[in-house]
Amino acid sequence: MSAWFEISFAVPANQVETVSMHVFDLGCCGIHEDPLATGVRLVVYFEDQNNRDDMLRALRSYLSEMGLWSDIHITDVPFQDWTTSWRSHFRPVFPTPRLAICPPWDRPAVIEGGFVIVIDPKMAFGTGHHETTRLALMGLEQQVKTGHRVLDVGTGSGILSIAAAKLGAALVIGVDTDVLAIENARENLKQNEVADIVEVHVGSVDGISGTFDVVVANIISRILIVLLPELIARMTPLGCAILGGILIKEKEAFISAVEQTGLVVGQVMEDGEWVCVIVTR
């Protein structure tokens, strides 16, 4: 049996980001988009350890609830084919005027006054292409100062941790519950020569001690709300938290939940259907 399988289905173009975040929440390990005349066909990848029948039922139920009717196709995919497929979609991206994100085989010239982050895309989330990642990077560029301590919750590919280190942080700790993500992050730390500044660990924020000048968490909003007390506990008195992965339609409810904890929302940034907020005590 193949080590991977893919599920493909069509969605309207204006629903791509919402549906993509949902399939990542289901355990998707990679995703790419194929344009259609009437929308986009999403091709999402899962490891065989995921139950195929459960995945299909969950997707059909979700698409039905969203009013999105689509034929769903499932296919075995050898791991190497998935890797090659995803790599063919990864090109350099420039989320801010000072920053370029690129794969190892397609490095742009160094930006004057800025820097390049090299990401080997062994996982599809955390390459700088998604709006939530871009917003979090913008927040880090604004908030991280030389000598800061930074905590990156849900580090994924390590992209935000690497950015924090290149922005001048003295210490960055990244955590993720996904073992494969941490393996990928460690490889990316070496690629970017920041392994002496950044530590990454399997686990969640509750396993981290100490306080940090900047806490960044780019996760879906329902998990962020649950984690708020732990995130707050790890902010220094004058520190801030950069919270991303929030849909526009969730903005008001999320800001209300944040304010109920006593935090102050200092800035709200938007990109497409997504929101990132910067909060302080």
Protein backbone atom coordinates (compact mmCIF):
# COMPACT_ATOMS: atom_id res chain seq x y z
CA MET A 1 0.00 0.00 0.00
CA SER A 2 1.17 3.55 -0.72
CA ALA A 3 2.59 5.63 2.12
CA TRP A 4 0.31 8.51 1.15
CA PHE A 5 -3.06 9.13 -0.41
CA GLU A 6 -4.60 12.20 -2.00
CA ILE A 7 -8.17 13.42 -1.99
CA SER A 8 -9.22 15.90 -4.66
CA PHE A 9 -12.41 17.95 -4.99
CA ALA A 10 -13.58 21.24 -6.49
CA VAL A 11 -14.51 24.37 -4.53
CA PRO A 12 -15.36 27.96 -5.53
CA ALA A 13 -12.31 30.25 -5.64
CA ASN A 14 -13.61 32.40 -2.78
CA GLN A 15 -13.78 29.35 -0.47
CA VAL A 16 -10.28 28.00 -1.08
CA GLU A 17 -8.63 29.51 2.03
CA THR A 18 -11.43 28.50 4.40
CA VAL A 19 -11.57 24.92 3.12
CA SER A 20 -7.76 24.65 3.08
CA MET A 21 -7.51 25.57 6.76
CA HIS A 22 -10.19 22.99 7.57
CA VAL A 23 -8.38 20.14 5.80
CA PHE A 24 -5.13 21.04 7.60
CA ASP A 25 -7.13 20.78 10.83
CA LEU A 26 -8.18 17.26 9.75
CA GLY A 27 -4.53 16.23 9.50
CA CYS A 28 -3.69 17.08 5.90
CA CYS A 29 0.09 16.99 5.28
CA GLY A 30 0.14 18.98 2.04
CA ILE A 31 -2.09 20.75 -0.42
CA HIS A 32 -1.99 22.34 -3.86
CA GLU A 33 -4.50 24.05 -6.12
CA ASP A 34 -5.37 23.30 -9.75
CA PRO A 35 -7.33 26.13 -11.46
CA LEU A 36 -10.65 25.22 -13.04
CA ALA A 37 -12.94 27.22 -15.30
CA THR A 38 -15.49 27.46 -12.49
CA GLY A 39 -13.27 27.45 -9.39
CA VAL A 40 -10.33 25.50 -7.99
CA ARG A 41 -9.64 21.80 -7.57
CA LEU A 42 -7.94 21.20 -4.25
CA VAL A 43 -5.61 18.21 -4.02
CA VAL A 44 -4.94 17.37 -0.37
CA TYR A 45 -2.50 14.76 0.92
CA PHE A 46 -2.72 12.47 3.95
CA GLU A 47 -0.46 9.83 5.42
CA ASP A 48 -1.83 6.29 5.31
CA GLN A 49 -1.96 6.27 9.10
CA ASN A 50 -5.06 8.46 8.70
CA ASN A 51 -8.22 6.42 8.22
CA ARG A 52 -9.36 6.97 4.65
CA ASP A 53 -13.02 6.30 5.32
CA ASP A 54 -12.99 8.75 8.23
CA MET A 55 -11.32 11.42 6.08
CA LEU A 56 -13.87 10.98 3.30
CA ARG A 57 -16.80 11.11 5.70
CA ALA A 58 -15.43 14.18 7.42
CA LEU A 59 -14.84 16.00 4.12
CA ARG A 60 -18.25 15.09 2.70
CA SER A 61 -19.94 16.24 5.89
CA TYR A 62 -18.00 19.52 5.96
CA LEU A 63 -18.61 20.31 2.28
CA SER A 64 -22.28 19.52 2.72
CA GLU A 65 -22.54 21.85 5.72
CA MET A 66 -20.83 24.59 3.66
CA GLY A 67 -23.23 24.01 0.76
CA LEU A 68 -20.35 22.97 -1.49
CA TRP A 69 -21.28 19.99 -3.63
CA SER A 70 -18.38 18.24 -5.34
CA ASP A 71 -17.26 14.86 -6.59
CA ILE A 72 -14.50 13.60 -4.29
CA HIS A 73 -11.72 11.40 -5.66
CA ILE A 74 -9.18 9.41 -3.64
CA THR A 75 -5.90 8.05 -5.06
CA ASP A 76 -2.76 6.32 -3.74
CA VAL A 77 0.33 8.52 -4.04
CA PRO A 78 3.90 7.35 -3.36
CA PHE A 79 5.72 9.73 -1.01
CA GLN A 80 8.30 10.72 -3.63
CA ASP A 81 5.56 11.69 -6.07
CA TRP A 82 3.96 13.92 -3.44
CA THR A 83 7.28 15.61 -2.70
CA THR A 84 7.97 16.25 -6.38
CA SER A 85 4.44 17.53 -6.95
CA TRP A 86 4.61 20.01 -4.07
CA ARG A 87 8.11 21.23 -5.01
CA SER A 88 6.88 22.10 -8.49
CA HIS A 89 4.48 24.64 -6.92
CA PHE A 90 6.99 26.39 -4.62
CA ARG A 91 8.48 29.61 -5.99
CA PRO A 92 10.10 32.55 -4.11
CA VAL A 93 7.63 34.84 -2.35
CA PHE A 94 8.19 38.32 -0.92
CA PRO A 95 5.86 38.82 2.08
CA THR A 96 7.43 42.16 3.05
CA PRO A 97 9.77 44.57 1.22
CA ARG A 98 12.68 43.31 3.37
CA LEU A 99 12.00 39.60 3.23
CA ALA A 100 12.13 36.82 0.64
CA ILE A 101 11.10 33.19 1.24
CA CYS A 102 12.47 30.68 -1.24
CA PRO A 103 13.25 26.98 -1.78
CA PRO A 104 16.91 25.86 -1.77
CA TRP A 105 16.94 25.45 -5.57
CA ASP A 106 15.58 28.93 -6.42
CA ARG A 107 17.29 31.60 -4.31
CA PRO A 108 16.76 35.27 -5.24
CA ALA A 109 19.46 37.89 -4.77
CA VAL A 110 19.90 39.12 -1.21
CA ILE A 111 17.59 42.06 -0.59
CA GLU A 112 19.38 45.29 0.34
CA GLY A 113 18.74 45.90 4.03
CA GLY A 114 16.78 42.66 4.26
CA PHE A 115 17.24 38.91 4.27
CA VAL A 116 16.31 35.63 2.63
CA ILE A 117 14.77 32.61 4.39
CA VAL A 118 15.31 29.23 2.74
CA ILE A 119 12.54 26.69 3.32
CA ASP A 120 12.74 23.12 2.05
CA PRO A 121 9.04 22.35 1.47
CA LYS A 122 8.67 18.91 2.97
CA MET A 123 5.35 20.13 4.35
CA ALA A 124 3.00 22.45 2.50
CA PHE A 125 2.21 24.92 5.27
CA GLY A 126 4.81 27.45 6.33
CA THR A 127 6.37 28.51 3.03
CA GLY A 128 5.29 32.15 3.20
CA HIS A 129 2.63 31.83 0.50
CA HIS A 130 -0.38 31.71 2.81
CA GLU A 131 -1.89 34.96 4.06
CA THR A 132 -1.67 33.92 7.71
CA THR A 133 2.07 33.29 7.43
CA ARG A 134 2.62 36.60 5.65
CA LEU A 135 0.71 38.48 8.35
CA ALA A 136 2.68 36.81 11.14
CA LEU A 137 5.93 37.68 9.37
CA MET A 138 4.83 41.30 9.12
CA GLY A 139 4.05 41.30 12.83
CA LEU A 140 7.47 39.87 13.68
CA GLU A 141 9.19 42.45 11.49
CA GLN A 142 7.46 45.19 13.48
CA GLN A 143 7.92 43.75 16.97
CA VAL A 144 11.18 41.78 17.21
CA LYS A 145 14.15 43.83 18.42
CA THR A 146 17.81 42.93 18.87
CA GLY A 147 18.27 40.75 21.95
CA HIS A 148 14.62 39.73 22.28
CA ARG A 149 13.45 36.32 23.45
CA VAL A 150 10.77 34.89 21.13
CA LEU A 151 8.37 31.94 21.52
CA ASP A 152 6.86 30.43 18.36
CA VAL A 153 3.86 28.21 19.11
CA GLY A 154 2.93 25.85 16.27
CA THR A 155 6.23 26.44 14.50
CA GLY A 156 5.54 24.14 11.50
CA SER A 157 8.38 24.53 9.01
CA GLY A 158 10.16 26.87 11.44
CA ILE A 159 9.68 29.86 9.16
CA LEU A 160 8.58 32.28 11.91
CA SER A 161 11.35 31.15 14.26
CA ILE A 162 13.94 31.65 11.53
CA ALA A 163 12.55 35.10 10.73
CA ALA A 164 12.73 36.08 14.42
CA ALA A 165 16.36 34.99 14.59
CA LYS A 166 17.28 36.93 11.44
CA LEU A 167 15.49 39.99 12.85
CA GLY A 168 17.88 40.00 15.81
CA ALA A 169 16.34 37.78 18.50
CA ALA A 170 18.90 36.38 20.93
CA LEU A 171 16.88 33.24 21.65
CA VAL A 172 13.91 31.67 19.86
CA ILE A 173 12.02 28.60 21.04
CA GLY A 174 9.62 26.89 18.65
CA VAL A 175 7.16 24.14 19.58
CA ASP A 176 4.86 21.95 17.53
CA THR A 177 2.88 18.82 18.32
CA ASP A 178 3.78 17.31 14.93
CA VAL A 179 7.00 15.27 15.01
CA LEU A 180 7.46 15.54 11.22
CA ALA A 181 7.09 19.32 11.40
CA ILE A 182 9.85 19.53 14.01
CA GLU A 183 12.13 17.35 11.88
CA ASN A 184 11.51 19.67 8.92
CA ALA A 185 12.05 22.75 11.10
CA ARG A 186 15.44 21.46 12.31
CA GLU A 187 16.57 20.97 8.72
CA ASN A 188 15.44 24.49 7.86
CA LEU A 189 17.30 25.94 10.87
CA LYS A 190 20.51 24.45 9.50
CA GLN A 191 19.77 25.71 5.98
CA ASN A 192 19.47 29.23 7.41
CA GLU A 193 22.39 28.93 9.85
CA VAL A 194 20.32 29.87 12.91
CA ALA A 195 20.45 26.56 14.82
CA ASP A 196 22.58 28.26 17.48
CA ILE A 197 19.78 30.76 18.18
CA VAL A 198 16.63 28.69 17.64
CA GLU A 199 15.55 25.62 19.60
CA VAL A 200 12.58 23.56 18.41
CA HIS A 201 10.77 20.93 20.47
CA VAL A 202 7.90 18.50 20.04
CA GLY A 203 5.07 19.59 22.33
CA SER A 204 2.90 22.56 23.12
CA VAL A 205 3.19 25.83 24.96
CA ASP A 206 2.40 24.25 28.33
CA GLY A 207 5.77 22.50 28.21
CA ILE A 208 7.73 25.76 27.94
CA SER A 209 8.95 27.69 30.97
CA GLY A 210 10.06 31.30 31.22
CA THR A 211 8.75 34.49 29.62
CA PHE A 212 9.33 36.05 26.23
CA ASP A 213 9.37 39.53 24.72
CA VAL A 214 7.40 38.29 21.71
CA VAL A 215 5.05 35.32 21.55
CA VAL A 216 3.80 34.34 18.09
CA ALA A 217 1.10 31.75 17.41
CA ASN A 218 -0.22 31.26 13.89
CA ILE A 219 -2.89 28.62 14.49
CA ILE A 220 -6.65 28.41 13.91
CA SER A 221 -8.69 30.72 16.14
CA ARG A 222 -10.57 28.09 18.13
CA ILE A 223 -7.25 26.65 19.32
CA LEU A 224 -5.80 30.10 19.95
CA ILE A 225 -8.69 30.94 22.27
CA VAL A 226 -8.07 27.79 24.32
CA LEU A 227 -4.34 28.56 24.49
CA LEU A 228 -4.73 32.23 25.47
CA PRO A 229 -4.04 31.72 29.22
CA GLU A 230 -0.84 29.77 28.45
CA LEU A 231 0.30 32.35 25.90
CA ILE A 232 -0.35 35.23 28.30
CA ALA A 233 1.61 33.48 31.05
CA ARG A 234 4.67 33.47 28.80
CA MET A 235 4.59 37.17 27.89
CA THR A 236 6.94 39.53 29.74
CA PRO A 237 5.18 42.52 31.38
CA LEU A 238 6.11 44.73 28.40
CA GLY A 239 5.91 41.93 25.84
CA CYS A 240 3.44 41.31 23.03
CA ALA A 241 1.73 38.40 21.31
CA ILE A 242 1.20 38.08 17.57
CA LEU A 243 -1.88 35.94 17.02
CA GLY A 244 -2.78 34.73 13.51
CA GLY A 245 -4.95 32.17 11.75
CA ILE A 246 -8.20 34.10 12.36
CA LEU A 247 -10.82 34.40 9.64
CA ILE A 248 -12.34 37.83 8.96
CA LYS A 249 -15.74 36.49 10.00
CA GLU A 250 -14.25 35.44 13.36
CA LYS A 251 -12.51 38.77 14.03
CA GLU A 252 -15.02 40.42 16.36
CA ALA A 253 -15.60 37.30 18.46
CA PHE A 254 -11.87 36.64 18.72
CA ILE A 255 -11.03 40.22 19.72
CA SER A 256 -13.78 40.05 22.35
CA ALA A 257 -12.30 36.82 23.75
CA VAL A 258 -8.85 38.43 23.86
CA GLU A 259 -10.11 41.56 25.63
CA GLN A 260 -11.93 39.45 28.23
CA THR A 261 -8.53 38.13 29.34
CA GLY A 262 -7.37 41.68 30.08
CA LEU A 263 -5.11 41.95 27.05
CA VAL A 264 -5.14 45.08 24.89
CA VAL A 265 -5.47 44.75 21.13
CA GLY A 266 -2.91 47.18 19.71
CA GLN A 267 -3.09 46.38 16.01
CA VAL A 268 -5.29 44.41 13.63
CA MET A 269 -3.82 43.42 10.24
CA GLU A 270 -5.82 41.89 7.40
CA ASP A 271 -4.91 40.03 4.22
CA GLY A 272 -7.63 38.47 2.08
CA GLU A 273 -9.98 36.53 4.37
CA TRP A 274 -7.50 36.44 7.25
CA VAL A 275 -6.69 38.53 10.32
CA CYS A 276 -3.68 38.81 12.62
CA VAL A 277 -3.79 40.78 15.87
CA ILE A 278 -0.95 42.13 17.99
CA VAL A 279 -1.80 42.29 21.69
CA THR A 280 -0.13 43.57 24.87
CA ARG A 281 -0.91 43.45 28.57
